[in-house]
């Protein structure tokens, strides 16, 4: 006896829908596990305060603002006026490495911001944009010198 093809199709649709829901539930479970494993700003409300938690949190906060040789250790950015705006606006979406590995003049940084706004959903930076551009153009402008200075040979001689 052969089954009705429409009923069979409906059965397959239900199975596929169940599998999709199961896949999404698995993804959310893994993401939630990772979130809680590594912590989040909101976890302070969930984890009961203890002396150890307070000490660790204090150490982390102190180290987040540590600057050595003009470099903000937590981000690797040059510590200068405007770094807070960079941390708030740029590092909200990507690593500081994308800033530190690039060298552009003010116009280049402006074009990059416009590109991110047009294609990557970067929000309007408003009045902060000029301060961000000031920071980037000052601290991550193209270097005038190469890896080393060119050799200057004042006297040539012939090898016998």
C-alpha atoms as a PDB file:
ATOM      1  CA  UNK A   1       0.000   0.000   0.000  1.00  0.00           C
ATOM      2  CA  UNK A   2       1.470   3.338  -1.077  1.00  0.00           C
ATOM      3  CA  UNK A   3       1.296   6.439   1.144  1.00  0.00           C
ATOM      4  CA  UNK A   4      -0.172   9.677  -0.001  1.00  0.00           C
ATOM      5  CA  UNK A   5       2.710  11.873  -1.393  1.00  0.00           C
ATOM      6  CA  UNK A   6       1.193  15.005   0.146  1.00  0.00           C
ATOM      7  CA  UNK A   7       1.133  13.457   3.614  1.00  0.00           C
ATOM      8  CA  UNK A   8       4.694  12.232   3.100  1.00  0.00           C
ATOM      9  CA  UNK A   9       5.801  15.751   2.074  1.00  0.00           C
ATOM     10  CA  UNK A  10       4.097  17.274   5.127  1.00  0.00           C
ATOM     11  CA  UNK A  11       5.863  14.718   7.313  1.00  0.00           C
ATOM     12  CA  UNK A  12       9.235  15.705   5.836  1.00  0.00           C
ATOM     13  CA  UNK A  13       8.448  19.395   6.368  1.00  0.00           C
ATOM     14  CA  UNK A  14       7.680  18.749  10.055  1.00  0.00           C
ATOM     15  CA  UNK A  15      10.944  16.818  10.450  1.00  0.00           C
ATOM     16  CA  UNK A  16      12.975  19.593   8.772  1.00  0.00           C
ATOM     17  CA  UNK A  17      11.286  22.237  10.917  1.00  0.00           C
ATOM     18  CA  UNK A  18      12.059  20.233  14.067  1.00  0.00           C
ATOM     19  CA  UNK A  19      15.686  19.837  13.011  1.00  0.00           C
ATOM     20  CA  UNK A  20      16.002  23.575  12.355  1.00  0.00           C
ATOM     21  CA  UNK A  21      14.603  24.368  15.802  1.00  0.00           C
ATOM     22  CA  UNK A  22      16.951  21.832  17.356  1.00  0.00           C
ATOM     23  CA  UNK A  23      19.929  23.370  15.538  1.00  0.00           C
ATOM     24  CA  UNK A  24      19.042  26.882  16.713  1.00  0.00           C
ATOM     25  CA  UNK A  25      18.527  25.664  20.264  1.00  0.00           C
ATOM     26  CA  UNK A  26      21.957  23.999  20.173  1.00  0.00           C
ATOM     27  CA  UNK A  27      23.596  27.173  18.860  1.00  0.00           C
ATOM     28  CA  UNK A  28      21.964  29.263  21.574  1.00  0.00           C
ATOM     29  CA  UNK A  29      22.983  26.769  24.231  1.00  0.00           C
ATOM     30  CA  UNK A  30      26.626  26.810  23.112  1.00  0.00           C
ATOM     31  CA  UNK A  31      26.638  30.611  22.821  1.00  0.00           C
ATOM     32  CA  UNK A  32      25.123  30.934  26.286  1.00  0.00           C
ATOM     33  CA  UNK A  33      27.699  28.552  27.713  1.00  0.00           C
ATOM     34  CA  UNK A  34      30.537  30.554  26.180  1.00  0.00           C
ATOM     35  CA  UNK A  35      28.998  33.821  27.389  1.00  0.00           C
ATOM     36  CA  UNK A  36      28.763  32.593  30.962  1.00  0.00           C
ATOM     37  CA  UNK A  37      32.182  30.905  30.852  1.00  0.00           C
ATOM     38  CA  UNK A  38      34.015  34.066  29.874  1.00  0.00           C
ATOM     39  CA  UNK A  39      31.800  36.437  31.773  1.00  0.00           C
ATOM     40  CA  UNK A  40      29.916  39.543  30.837  1.00  0.00           C
ATOM     41  CA  UNK A  41      29.411  42.985  32.351  1.00  0.00           C
ATOM     42  CA  UNK A  42      25.975  41.904  33.597  1.00  0.00           C
ATOM     43  CA  UNK A  43      27.235  38.847  35.444  1.00  0.00           C
ATOM     44  CA  UNK A  44      28.076  40.966  38.470  1.00  0.00           C
ATOM     45  CA  UNK A  45      24.365  40.847  39.246  1.00  0.00           C
ATOM     46  CA  UNK A  46      24.203  37.048  38.952  1.00  0.00           C
ATOM     47  CA  UNK A  47      27.385  35.902  40.700  1.00  0.00           C
ATOM     48  CA  UNK A  48      27.163  36.383  44.453  1.00  0.00           C
ATOM     49  CA  UNK A  49      29.768  38.810  45.698  1.00  0.00           C
ATOM     50  CA  UNK A  50      32.584  37.264  47.663  1.00  0.00           C
ATOM     51  CA  UNK A  51      35.892  38.593  48.857  1.00  0.00           C
ATOM     52  CA  UNK A  52      37.710  36.697  46.070  1.00  0.00           C
ATOM     53  CA  UNK A  53      35.370  38.039  43.342  1.00  0.00           C
ATOM     54  CA  UNK A  54      35.823  41.610  44.519  1.00  0.00           C
ATOM     55  CA  UNK A  55      39.635  41.298  44.601  1.00  0.00           C
ATOM     56  CA  UNK A  56      39.804  39.762  41.114  1.00  0.00           C
ATOM     57  CA  UNK A  57      37.419  42.344  39.683  1.00  0.00           C
ATOM     58  CA  UNK A  58      39.447  45.169  41.235  1.00  0.00           C
ATOM     59  CA  UNK A  59      42.695  43.771  39.746  1.00  0.00           C
ATOM     60  CA  UNK A  60      41.117  43.495  36.303  1.00  0.00           C
ATOM     61  CA  UNK A  61      39.791  47.056  36.444  1.00  0.00           C
ATOM     62  CA  UNK A  62      43.175  48.415  37.552  1.00  0.00           C
ATOM     63  CA  UNK A  63      44.974  46.591  34.741  1.00  0.00           C
ATOM     64  CA  UNK A  64      42.449  47.739  32.112  1.00  0.00           C
ATOM     65  CA  UNK A  65      43.675  51.320  32.438  1.00  0.00           C
ATOM     66  CA  UNK A  66      47.373  50.526  32.769  1.00  0.00           C
ATOM     67  CA  UNK A  67      49.657  52.455  30.402  1.00  0.00           C
ATOM     68  CA  UNK A  68      53.292  51.490  29.816  1.00  0.00           C
ATOM     69  CA  UNK A  69      55.598  53.494  27.536  1.00  0.00           C
ATOM     70  CA  UNK A  70      52.609  55.421  26.188  1.00  0.00           C
ATOM     71  CA  UNK A  71      50.703  52.270  25.179  1.00  0.00           C
ATOM     72  CA  UNK A  72      47.356  51.371  26.751  1.00  0.00           C
ATOM     73  CA  UNK A  73      48.040  47.732  27.656  1.00  0.00           C
ATOM     74  CA  UNK A  74      44.499  46.388  27.437  1.00  0.00           C
ATOM     75  CA  UNK A  75      44.014  47.630  23.855  1.00  0.00           C
ATOM     76  CA  UNK A  76      47.520  48.148  22.476  1.00  0.00           C
ATOM     77  CA  UNK A  77      46.521  51.653  21.395  1.00  0.00           C
ATOM     78  CA  UNK A  78      48.661  54.742  21.864  1.00  0.00           C
ATOM     79  CA  UNK A  79      47.439  56.520  24.998  1.00  0.00           C
ATOM     80  CA  UNK A  80      46.456  59.994  23.898  1.00  0.00           C
ATOM     81  CA  UNK A  81      43.524  62.389  23.846  1.00  0.00           C
ATOM     82  CA  UNK A  82      40.599  60.622  22.189  1.00  0.00           C
ATOM     83  CA  UNK A  83      41.477  57.045  23.131  1.00  0.00           C
ATOM     84  CA  UNK A  84      38.213  56.710  25.070  1.00  0.00           C
ATOM     85  CA  UNK A  85      36.232  57.583  21.931  1.00  0.00           C
ATOM     86  CA  UNK A  86      38.205  54.978  19.982  1.00  0.00           C
ATOM     87  CA  UNK A  87      37.498  52.364  22.651  1.00  0.00           C
ATOM     88  CA  UNK A  88      33.789  53.231  22.702  1.00  0.00           C
ATOM     89  CA  UNK A  89      33.192  53.505  18.965  1.00  0.00           C
ATOM     90  CA  UNK A  90      35.825  51.440  17.161  1.00  0.00           C
ATOM     91  CA  UNK A  91      36.437  48.601  19.588  1.00  0.00           C
ATOM     92  CA  UNK A  92      32.703  48.046  20.008  1.00  0.00           C
ATOM     93  CA  UNK A  93      32.816  46.174  16.683  1.00  0.00           C
ATOM     94  CA  UNK A  94      36.377  45.084  16.002  1.00  0.00           C
ATOM     95  CA  UNK A  95      39.758  44.463  17.525  1.00  0.00           C
ATOM     96  CA  UNK A  96      42.203  47.282  18.160  1.00  0.00           C
ATOM     97  CA  UNK A  97      44.580  45.400  15.860  1.00  0.00           C
ATOM     98  CA  UNK A  98      42.579  46.722  12.890  1.00  0.00           C
ATOM     99  CA  UNK A  99      43.539  50.213  14.022  1.00  0.00           C
ATOM    100  CA  UNK A 100      47.146  49.581  15.020  1.00  0.00           C
ATOM    101  CA  UNK A 101      48.083  47.677  11.855  1.00  0.00           C
ATOM    102  CA  UNK A 102      46.875  50.456   9.551  1.00  0.00           C
ATOM    103  CA  UNK A 103      48.468  53.779   8.732  1.00  0.00           C
ATOM    104  CA  UNK A 104      46.421  56.424   6.961  1.00  0.00           C
ATOM    105  CA  UNK A 105      46.211  60.171   6.750  1.00  0.00           C
ATOM    106  CA  UNK A 106      43.091  61.957   7.968  1.00  0.00           C
ATOM    107  CA  UNK A 107      41.372  61.601   4.585  1.00  0.00           C
ATOM    108  CA  UNK A 108      42.131  57.865   4.492  1.00  0.00           C
ATOM    109  CA  UNK A 109      40.677  57.354   7.965  1.00  0.00           C
ATOM    110  CA  UNK A 110      37.608  59.428   6.983  1.00  0.00           C
ATOM    111  CA  UNK A 111      37.078  57.264   3.871  1.00  0.00           C
ATOM    112  CA  UNK A 112      37.390  54.134   6.015  1.00  0.00           C
ATOM    113  CA  UNK A 113      34.763  55.443   8.434  1.00  0.00           C
ATOM    114  CA  UNK A 114      32.423  56.295   5.540  1.00  0.00           C
ATOM    115  CA  UNK A 115      32.966  52.798   4.095  1.00  0.00           C
ATOM    116  CA  UNK A 116      32.139  51.232   7.478  1.00  0.00           C
ATOM    117  CA  UNK A 117      29.006  53.360   7.721  1.00  0.00           C
ATOM    118  CA  UNK A 118      27.874  52.422   4.207  1.00  0.00           C
ATOM    119  CA  UNK A 119      28.700  48.711   4.329  1.00  0.00           C
ATOM    120  CA  UNK A 120      29.256  47.607   7.942  1.00  0.00           C
ATOM    121  CA  UNK A 121      26.394  49.437   9.707  1.00  0.00           C
ATOM    122  CA  UNK A 122      28.644  51.824  11.648  1.00  0.00           C
ATOM    123  CA  UNK A 123      26.463  54.434  13.321  1.00  0.00           C
ATOM    124  CA  UNK A 124      26.741  58.187  12.804  1.00  0.00           C
ATOM    125  CA  UNK A 125      29.614  59.355  14.972  1.00  0.00           C
ATOM    126  CA  UNK A 126      28.239  62.894  15.240  1.00  0.00           C
ATOM    127  CA  UNK A 127      30.496  65.390  16.984  1.00  0.00           C
ATOM    128  CA  UNK A 128      32.843  62.589  18.025  1.00  0.00           C
ATOM    129  CA  UNK A 129      33.932  61.959  14.444  1.00  0.00           C
ATOM    130  CA  UNK A 130      36.355  64.895  14.258  1.00  0.00           C
ATOM    131  CA  UNK A 131      37.936  63.922  17.598  1.00  0.00           C
ATOM    132  CA  UNK A 132      38.268  60.304  16.434  1.00  0.00           C
ATOM    133  CA  UNK A 133      39.856  61.469  13.185  1.00  0.00           C
ATOM    134  CA  UNK A 134      42.220  63.735  15.156  1.00  0.00           C
ATOM    135  CA  UNK A 135      43.373  60.781  17.251  1.00  0.00           C
ATOM    136  CA  UNK A 136      43.787  58.417  14.291  1.00  0.00           C
ATOM    137  CA  UNK A 137      45.508  60.960  12.033  1.00  0.00           C
ATOM    138  CA  UNK A 138      47.940  61.924  14.790  1.00  0.00           C
ATOM    139  CA  UNK A 139      48.777  58.477  16.155  1.00  0.00           C
ATOM    140  CA  UNK A 140      48.297  56.196  13.137  1.00  0.00           C
ATOM    141  CA  UNK A 141      49.395  58.368  10.233  1.00  0.00           C
ATOM    142  CA  UNK A 142      51.712  56.996   7.552  1.00  0.00           C
ATOM    143  CA  UNK A 143      55.296  56.834   8.733  1.00  0.00           C
ATOM    144  CA  UNK A 144      57.654  59.027   6.789  1.00  0.00           C
ATOM    145  CA  UNK A 145      60.603  56.708   7.253  1.00  0.00           C
ATOM    146  CA  UNK A 146      60.852  53.161   6.012  1.00  0.00           C
ATOM    147  CA  UNK A 147      62.181  50.269   8.039  1.00  0.00           C
ATOM    148  CA  UNK A 148      65.601  51.828   8.046  1.00  0.00           C
ATOM    149  CA  UNK A 149      67.341  54.799   6.492  1.00  0.00           C
ATOM    150  CA  UNK A 150      68.822  54.343   3.041  1.00  0.00           C
ATOM    151  CA  UNK A 151      72.524  53.610   2.933  1.00  0.00           C
ATOM    152  CA  UNK A 152      74.632  56.558   1.932  1.00  0.00           C
ATOM    153  CA  UNK A 153      77.964  55.648   0.345  1.00  0.00           C
ATOM    154  CA  UNK A 154      80.312  58.593   0.137  1.00  0.00           C
ATOM    155  CA  UNK A 155      83.273  56.786  -1.350  1.00  0.00           C
ATOM    156  CA  UNK A 156      83.293  53.962  -3.881  1.00  0.00           C
ATOM    157  CA  UNK A 157      86.264  51.746  -4.487  1.00  0.00           C
ATOM    158  CA  UNK A 158      86.985  48.909  -6.863  1.00  0.00           C
ATOM    159  CA  UNK A 159      87.751  45.414  -5.714  1.00  0.00           C
ATOM    160  CA  UNK A 160      90.878  43.929  -7.305  1.00  0.00           C
END
